[in-house]
Amino acid sequence: MQHLIESIRTTRENLGYSQEYMAMKLGIGQNGYSKIELGYTRITVDRLFEIAKILNTDIFVLLQHPQLKEAV
């Protein structure tokens, strides 16, 4: 789960998106989004699809383990 959270945060930062922006797009508060990235709130499959869409990526890219990304 930690690698998924790190992947979401890294992708968001690489795109220059703030937590506030992500929260607004998801229809939640910034504090709620922050809890997702801190791992305090579990990510549902539906929420993962929403996040991937905002980040313009595929959920499988977000789920891929970091060592596998480097090998590709």
PDB file of N, CA and C in Angstrom:
ATOM      1  N   MET A   1       0.827  -1.199   0.000  1.00  0.00           N
ATOM      2  CA  MET A   1       0.000   0.000   0.000  1.00  0.00           C
ATOM      3  C   MET A   1       0.865   1.255   0.000  1.00  0.00           C
ATOM      4  N   GLN A   2       1.979   1.206   0.712  1.00  0.00           N
ATOM      5  CA  GLN A   2       2.843   2.381   0.795  1.00  0.00           C
ATOM      6  C   GLN A   2       3.367   2.787  -0.582  1.00  0.00           C
ATOM      7  N   HIS A   3       3.715   1.798  -1.423  1.00  0.00           N
ATOM      8  CA  HIS A   3       4.220   2.161  -2.750  1.00  0.00           C
ATOM      9  C   HIS A   3       3.133   2.827  -3.597  1.00  0.00           C
ATOM     10  N   LEU A   4       1.875   2.449  -3.401  1.00  0.00           N
ATOM     11  CA  LEU A   4       0.778   3.095  -4.124  1.00  0.00           C
ATOM     12  C   LEU A   4       0.668   4.555  -3.708  1.00  0.00           C
ATOM     13  N   ILE A   5       0.719   4.808  -2.415  1.00  0.00           N
ATOM     14  CA  ILE A   5       0.622   6.176  -1.903  1.00  0.00           C
ATOM     15  C   ILE A   5       1.787   7.016  -2.419  1.00  0.00           C
ATOM     16  N   GLU A   6       2.990   6.444  -2.384  1.00  0.00           N
ATOM     17  CA  GLU A   6       4.165   7.159  -2.879  1.00  0.00           C
ATOM     18  C   GLU A   6       4.052   7.437  -4.373  1.00  0.00           C
ATOM     19  N   SER A   7       3.512   6.488  -5.112  1.00  0.00           N
ATOM     20  CA  SER A   7       3.336   6.654  -6.548  1.00  0.00           C
ATOM     21  C   SER A   7       2.351   7.779  -6.860  1.00  0.00           C
ATOM     22  N   ILE A   8       1.267   7.827  -6.111  1.00  0.00           N
ATOM     23  CA  ILE A   8       0.275   8.897  -6.294  1.00  0.00           C
ATOM     24  C   ILE A   8       0.903  10.249  -5.983  1.00  0.00           C
ATOM     25  N   ARG A   9       1.597  10.341  -4.841  1.00  0.00           N
ATOM     26  CA  ARG A   9       2.210  11.615  -4.438  1.00  0.00           C
ATOM     27  C   ARG A   9       3.264  12.060  -5.446  1.00  0.00           C
ATOM     28  N   THR A  10       4.128  11.149  -5.863  1.00  0.00           N
ATOM     29  CA  THR A  10       5.186  11.482  -6.814  1.00  0.00           C
ATOM     30  C   THR A  10       4.603  11.933  -8.147  1.00  0.00           C
ATOM     31  N   THR A  11       3.599  11.219  -8.636  1.00  0.00           N
ATOM     32  CA  THR A  11       2.966  11.588  -9.908  1.00  0.00           C
ATOM     33  C   THR A  11       2.309  12.957  -9.786  1.00  0.00           C
ATOM     34  N   ARG A  12       1.605  13.190  -8.678  1.00  0.00           N
ATOM     35  CA  ARG A  12       0.965  14.491  -8.451  1.00  0.00           C
ATOM     36  C   ARG A  12       1.996  15.606  -8.439  1.00  0.00           C
ATOM     37  N   GLU A  13       3.084  15.415  -7.718  1.00  0.00           N
ATOM     38  CA  GLU A  13       4.121  16.433  -7.633  1.00  0.00           C
ATOM     39  C   GLU A  13       4.798  16.671  -8.987  1.00  0.00           C
ATOM     40  N   ASN A  14       5.041  15.599  -9.735  1.00  0.00           N
ATOM     41  CA  ASN A  14       5.655  15.736 -11.063  1.00  0.00           C
ATOM     42  C   ASN A  14       4.781  16.548 -12.017  1.00  0.00           C
ATOM     43  N   LEU A  15       3.479  16.471 -11.828  1.00  0.00           N
ATOM     44  CA  LEU A  15       2.549  17.240 -12.654  1.00  0.00           C
ATOM     45  C   LEU A  15       2.364  18.664 -12.138  1.00  0.00           C
ATOM     46  N   GLY A  16       2.900  18.939 -10.961  1.00  0.00           N
ATOM     47  CA  GLY A  16       2.764  20.269 -10.377  1.00  0.00           C
ATOM     48  C   GLY A  16       1.409  20.513  -9.735  1.00  0.00           C
ATOM     49  N   TYR A  17       0.706  19.438  -9.418  1.00  0.00           N
ATOM     50  CA  TYR A  17      -0.608  19.565  -8.792  1.00  0.00           C
ATOM     51  C   TYR A  17      -0.449  19.648  -7.273  1.00  0.00           C
ATOM     52  N   SER A  18      -1.194  20.524  -6.657  1.00  0.00           N
ATOM     53  CA  SER A  18      -1.186  20.643  -5.202  1.00  0.00           C
ATOM     54  C   SER A  18      -2.201  19.663  -4.605  1.00  0.00           C
ATOM     55  N   GLN A  19      -2.080  19.447  -3.304  1.00  0.00           N
ATOM     56  CA  GLN A  19      -3.084  18.646  -2.617  1.00  0.00           C
ATOM     57  C   GLN A  19      -4.438  19.338  -2.676  1.00  0.00           C
ATOM     58  N   GLU A  20      -4.432  20.657  -2.628  1.00  0.00           N
ATOM     59  CA  GLU A  20      -5.684  21.413  -2.717  1.00  0.00           C
ATOM     60  C   GLU A  20      -6.378  21.165  -4.060  1.00  0.00           C
ATOM     61  N   TYR A  21      -5.586  21.137  -5.133  1.00  0.00           N
ATOM     62  CA  TYR A  21      -6.135  20.884  -6.466  1.00  0.00           C
ATOM     63  C   TYR A  21      -6.758  19.486  -6.526  1.00  0.00           C
ATOM     64  N   MET A  22      -6.021  18.495  -6.026  1.00  0.00           N
ATOM     65  CA  MET A  22      -6.532  17.126  -6.050  1.00  0.00           C
ATOM     66  C   MET A  22      -7.815  17.020  -5.237  1.00  0.00           C
ATOM     67  N   ALA A  23      -7.816  17.645  -4.070  1.00  0.00           N
ATOM     68  CA  ALA A  23      -9.002  17.601  -3.211  1.00  0.00           C
ATOM     69  C   ALA A  23     -10.199  18.225  -3.911  1.00  0.00           C
ATOM     70  N   MET A  24      -9.980  19.366  -4.557  1.00  0.00           N
ATOM     71  CA  MET A  24     -11.070  20.038  -5.264  1.00  0.00           C
ATOM     72  C   MET A  24     -11.627  19.136  -6.370  1.00  0.00           C
ATOM     73  N   LYS A  25     -10.734  18.517  -7.152  1.00  0.00           N
ATOM     74  CA  LYS A  25     -11.172  17.645  -8.248  1.00  0.00           C
ATOM     75  C   LYS A  25     -11.922  16.412  -7.724  1.00  0.00           C
ATOM     76  N   LEU A  26     -11.558  15.959  -6.526  1.00  0.00           N
ATOM     77  CA  LEU A  26     -12.211  14.791  -5.939  1.00  0.00           C
ATOM     78  C   LEU A  26     -13.462  15.156  -5.146  1.00  0.00           C
ATOM     79  N   GLY A  27     -13.674  16.447  -4.920  1.00  0.00           N
ATOM     80  CA  GLY A  27     -14.843  16.888  -4.163  1.00  0.00           C
ATOM     81  C   GLY A  27     -14.721  16.642  -2.675  1.00  0.00           C
ATOM     82  N   ILE A  28     -13.480  16.693  -2.180  1.00  0.00           N
ATOM     83  CA  ILE A  28     -13.244  16.513  -0.750  1.00  0.00           C
ATOM     84  C   ILE A  28     -12.395  17.677  -0.252  1.00  0.00           C
ATOM     85  N   GLY A  29     -12.215  17.759   1.061  1.00  0.00           N
ATOM     86  CA  GLY A  29     -11.372  18.797   1.628  1.00  0.00           C
ATOM     87  C   GLY A  29      -9.897  18.443   1.489  1.00  0.00           C
ATOM     88  N   GLN A  30      -9.044  19.466   1.577  1.00  0.00           N
ATOM     89  CA  GLN A  30      -7.601  19.248   1.485  1.00  0.00           C
ATOM     90  C   GLN A  30      -7.132  18.316   2.595  1.00  0.00           C
ATOM     91  N   ASN A  31      -7.713  18.465   3.775  1.00  0.00           N
ATOM     92  CA  ASN A  31      -7.346  17.605   4.893  1.00  0.00           C
ATOM     93  C   ASN A  31      -7.680  16.145   4.583  1.00  0.00           C
ATOM     94  N   GLY A  32      -8.817  15.927   3.946  1.00  0.00           N
ATOM     95  CA  GLY A  32      -9.202  14.567   3.556  1.00  0.00           C
ATOM     96  C   GLY A  32      -8.242  13.980   2.545  1.00  0.00           C
ATOM     97  N   TYR A  33      -7.819  14.817   1.590  1.00  0.00           N
ATOM     98  CA  TYR A  33      -6.862  14.318   0.594  1.00  0.00           C
ATOM     99  C   TYR A  33      -5.513  14.042   1.239  1.00  0.00           C
ATOM    100  N   SER A  34      -5.098  14.919   2.129  1.00  0.00           N
ATOM    101  CA  SER A  34      -3.828  14.725   2.829  1.00  0.00           C
ATOM    102  C   SER A  34      -3.818  13.391   3.564  1.00  0.00           C
ATOM    103  N   LYS A  35      -4.933  13.027   4.159  1.00  0.00           N
ATOM    104  CA  LYS A  35      -5.037  11.749   4.872  1.00  0.00           C
ATOM    105  C   LYS A  35      -4.863  10.561   3.931  1.00  0.00           C
ATOM    106  N   ILE A  36      -5.302  10.718   2.676  1.00  0.00           N
ATOM    107  CA  ILE A  36      -5.093   9.663   1.683  1.00  0.00           C
ATOM    108  C   ILE A  36      -3.595   9.482   1.459  1.00  0.00           C
ATOM    109  N   GLU A  37      -2.877  10.591   1.220  1.00  0.00           N
ATOM    110  CA  GLU A  37      -1.443  10.506   0.937  1.00  0.00           C
ATOM    111  C   GLU A  37      -0.620  10.102   2.160  1.00  0.00           C
ATOM    112  N   LEU A  38      -1.140  10.342   3.342  1.00  0.00           N
ATOM    113  CA  LEU A  38      -0.442   9.921   4.552  1.00  0.00           C
ATOM    114  C   LEU A  38      -0.753   8.470   4.916  1.00  0.00           C
ATOM    115  N   GLY A  39      -1.729   7.885   4.230  1.00  0.00           N
ATOM    116  CA  GLY A  39      -2.100   6.501   4.491  1.00  0.00           C
ATOM    117  C   GLY A  39      -3.077   6.338   5.638  1.00  0.00           C
ATOM    118  N   TYR A  40      -3.652   7.441   6.121  1.00  0.00           N
ATOM    119  CA  TYR A  40      -4.620   7.375   7.213  1.00  0.00           C
ATOM    120  C   TYR A  40      -6.001   6.943   6.721  1.00  0.00           C
ATOM    121  N   THR A  41      -6.276   7.193   5.446  1.00  0.00           N
ATOM    122  CA  THR A  41      -7.549   6.821   4.839  1.00  0.00           C
ATOM    123  C   THR A  41      -7.279   5.794   3.743  1.00  0.00           C
ATOM    124  N   ARG A  42      -7.985   4.692   3.814  1.00  0.00           N
ATOM    125  CA  ARG A  42      -7.822   3.670   2.770  1.00  0.00           C
ATOM    126  C   ARG A  42      -8.417   4.166   1.454  1.00  0.00           C
ATOM    127  N   ILE A  43      -7.774   3.795   0.372  1.00  0.00           N
ATOM    128  CA  ILE A  43      -8.228   4.201  -0.951  1.00  0.00           C
ATOM    129  C   ILE A  43      -9.126   3.113  -1.514  1.00  0.00           C
ATOM    130  N   THR A  44     -10.347   3.477  -1.844  1.00  0.00           N
ATOM    131  CA  THR A  44     -11.250   2.522  -2.483  1.00  0.00           C
ATOM    132  C   THR A  44     -10.873   2.396  -3.954  1.00  0.00           C
ATOM    133  N   VAL A  45     -11.361   1.362  -4.588  1.00  0.00           N
ATOM    134  CA  VAL A  45     -11.103   1.170  -6.014  1.00  0.00           C
ATOM    135  C   VAL A  45     -11.676   2.341  -6.801  1.00  0.00           C
ATOM    136  N   ASP A  46     -12.884   2.763  -6.444  1.00  0.00           N
ATOM    137  CA  ASP A  46     -13.501   3.896  -7.139  1.00  0.00           C
ATOM    138  C   ASP A  46     -12.656   5.154  -6.991  1.00  0.00           C
ATOM    139  N   ARG A  47     -12.155   5.407  -5.782  1.00  0.00           N
ATOM    140  CA  ARG A  47     -11.331   6.589  -5.532  1.00  0.00           C
ATOM    141  C   ARG A  47     -10.017   6.489  -6.301  1.00  0.00           C
ATOM    142  N   LEU A  48      -9.455   5.294  -6.388  1.00  0.00           N
ATOM    143  CA  LEU A  48      -8.224   5.100  -7.143  1.00  0.00           C
ATOM    144  C   LEU A  48      -8.428   5.419  -8.616  1.00  0.00           C
ATOM    145  N   PHE A  49      -9.563   4.994  -9.176  1.00  0.00           N
ATOM    146  CA  PHE A  49      -9.867   5.327 -10.567  1.00  0.00           C
ATOM    147  C   PHE A  49      -9.989   6.837 -10.748  1.00  0.00           C
ATOM    148  N   GLU A  50     -10.633   7.513  -9.791  1.00  0.00           N
ATOM    149  CA  GLU A  50     -10.771   8.969  -9.860  1.00  0.00           C
ATOM    150  C   GLU A  50      -9.402   9.659  -9.825  1.00  0.00           C
ATOM    151  N   ILE A  51      -8.556   9.210  -8.922  1.00  0.00           N
ATOM    152  CA  ILE A  51      -7.213   9.801  -8.796  1.00  0.00           C
ATOM    153  C   ILE A  51      -6.409   9.577 -10.071  1.00  0.00           C
ATOM    154  N   ALA A  52      -6.458   8.366 -10.599  1.00  0.00           N
ATOM    155  CA  ALA A  52      -5.722   8.060 -11.830  1.00  0.00           C
ATOM    156  C   ALA A  52      -6.201   8.934 -12.984  1.00  0.00           C
ATOM    157  N   LYS A  53      -7.508   9.152 -13.071  1.00  0.00           N
ATOM    158  CA  LYS A  53      -8.053   9.989 -14.136  1.00  0.00           C
ATOM    159  C   LYS A  53      -7.539  11.427 -14.008  1.00  0.00           C
ATOM    160  N   ILE A  54      -7.546  11.968 -12.792  1.00  0.00           N
ATOM    161  CA  ILE A  54      -7.051  13.326 -12.576  1.00  0.00           C
ATOM    162  C   ILE A  54      -5.573  13.416 -12.939  1.00  0.00           C
ATOM    163  N   LEU A  55      -4.810  12.377 -12.589  1.00  0.00           N
ATOM    164  CA  LEU A  55      -3.377  12.361 -12.862  1.00  0.00           C
ATOM    165  C   LEU A  55      -3.065  11.938 -14.301  1.00  0.00           C
ATOM    166  N   ASN A  56      -4.109  11.679 -15.073  1.00  0.00           N
ATOM    167  CA  ASN A  56      -3.972  11.293 -16.476  1.00  0.00           C
ATOM    168  C   ASN A  56      -3.042  10.085 -16.638  1.00  0.00           C
ATOM    169  N   THR A  57      -3.296   9.085 -15.807  1.00  0.00           N
ATOM    170  CA  THR A  57      -2.501   7.867 -15.860  1.00  0.00           C
ATOM    171  C   THR A  57      -3.412   6.671 -15.643  1.00  0.00           C
ATOM    172  N   ASP A  58      -2.868   5.512 -15.805  1.00  0.00           N
ATOM    173  CA  ASP A  58      -3.593   4.266 -15.627  1.00  0.00           C
ATOM    174  C   ASP A  58      -3.386   3.765 -14.198  1.00  0.00           C
ATOM    175  N   ILE A  59      -4.401   3.156 -13.616  1.00  0.00           N
ATOM    176  CA  ILE A  59      -4.249   2.665 -12.243  1.00  0.00           C
ATOM    177  C   ILE A  59      -3.138   1.628 -12.148  1.00  0.00           C
ATOM    178  N   PHE A  60      -2.910   0.879 -13.211  1.00  0.00           N
ATOM    179  CA  PHE A  60      -1.870  -0.138 -13.178  1.00  0.00           C
ATOM    180  C   PHE A  60      -0.484   0.483 -13.076  1.00  0.00           C
ATOM    181  N   VAL A  61      -0.314   1.669 -13.634  1.00  0.00           N
ATOM    182  CA  VAL A  61       0.950   2.390 -13.493  1.00  0.00           C
ATOM    183  C   VAL A  61       1.142   2.802 -12.031  1.00  0.00           C
ATOM    184  N   LEU A  62       0.068   3.275 -11.399  1.00  0.00           N
ATOM    185  CA  LEU A  62       0.152   3.674  -9.997  1.00  0.00           C
ATOM    186  C   LEU A  62       0.393   2.473  -9.087  1.00  0.00           C
ATOM    187  N   LEU A  63      -0.171   1.326  -9.439  1.00  0.00           N
ATOM    188  CA  LEU A  63      -0.041   0.128  -8.613  1.00  0.00           C
ATOM    189  C   LEU A  63       1.291  -0.601  -8.790  1.00  0.00           C
ATOM    190  N   GLN A  64       1.970  -0.334  -9.897  1.00  0.00           N
ATOM    191  CA  GLN A  64       3.199  -1.032 -10.186  1.00  0.00           C
ATOM    192  C   GLN A  64       4.260  -0.742  -9.135  1.00  0.00           C
ATOM    193  N   HIS A  65       4.927  -1.774  -8.695  1.00  0.00           N
ATOM    194  CA  HIS A  65       5.966  -1.624  -7.665  1.00  0.00           C
ATOM    195  C   HIS A  65       7.124  -0.785  -8.215  1.00  0.00           C
ATOM    196  N   PRO A  66       7.700   0.112  -7.405  1.00  0.00           N
ATOM    197  CA  PRO A  66       8.763   1.007  -7.866  1.00  0.00           C
ATOM    198  C   PRO A  66       9.942   0.303  -8.543  1.00  0.00           C
ATOM    199  N   GLN A  67      10.392  -0.839  -8.040  1.00  0.00           N
ATOM    200  CA  GLN A  67      11.505  -1.524  -8.682  1.00  0.00           C
ATOM    201  C   GLN A  67      11.149  -2.001 -10.074  1.00  0.00           C
ATOM    202  N   LEU A  68       9.892  -2.356 -10.284  1.00  0.00           N
ATOM    203  CA  LEU A  68       9.455  -2.786 -11.616  1.00  0.00           C
ATOM    204  C   LEU A  68       9.421  -1.628 -12.584  1.00  0.00           C
ATOM    205  N   LYS A  69       9.082  -0.417 -12.099  1.00  0.00           N
ATOM    206  CA  LYS A  69       9.052   0.760 -12.956  1.00  0.00           C
ATOM    207  C   LYS A  69      10.444   1.059 -13.503  1.00  0.00           C
ATOM    208  N   GLU A  70      11.473   0.890 -12.659  1.00  0.00           N
ATOM    209  CA  GLU A  70      12.834   1.179 -13.076  1.00  0.00           C
ATOM    210  C   GLU A  70      13.305   0.196 -14.137  1.00  0.00           C
ATOM    211  N   ALA A  71      12.812  -1.032 -14.086  1.00  0.00           N
ATOM    212  CA  ALA A  71      13.229  -2.063 -15.026  1.00  0.00           C
ATOM    213  C   ALA A  71      12.618  -1.868 -16.405  1.00  0.00           C
ATOM    214  N   VAL A  72      11.495  -1.152 -16.467  1.00  0.00           N
ATOM    215  CA  VAL A  72      10.775  -0.979 -17.732  1.00  0.00           C
ATOM    216  C   VAL A  72      11.375   0.092 -18.571  1.00  0.00           C
TER     217      VAL A  72
END
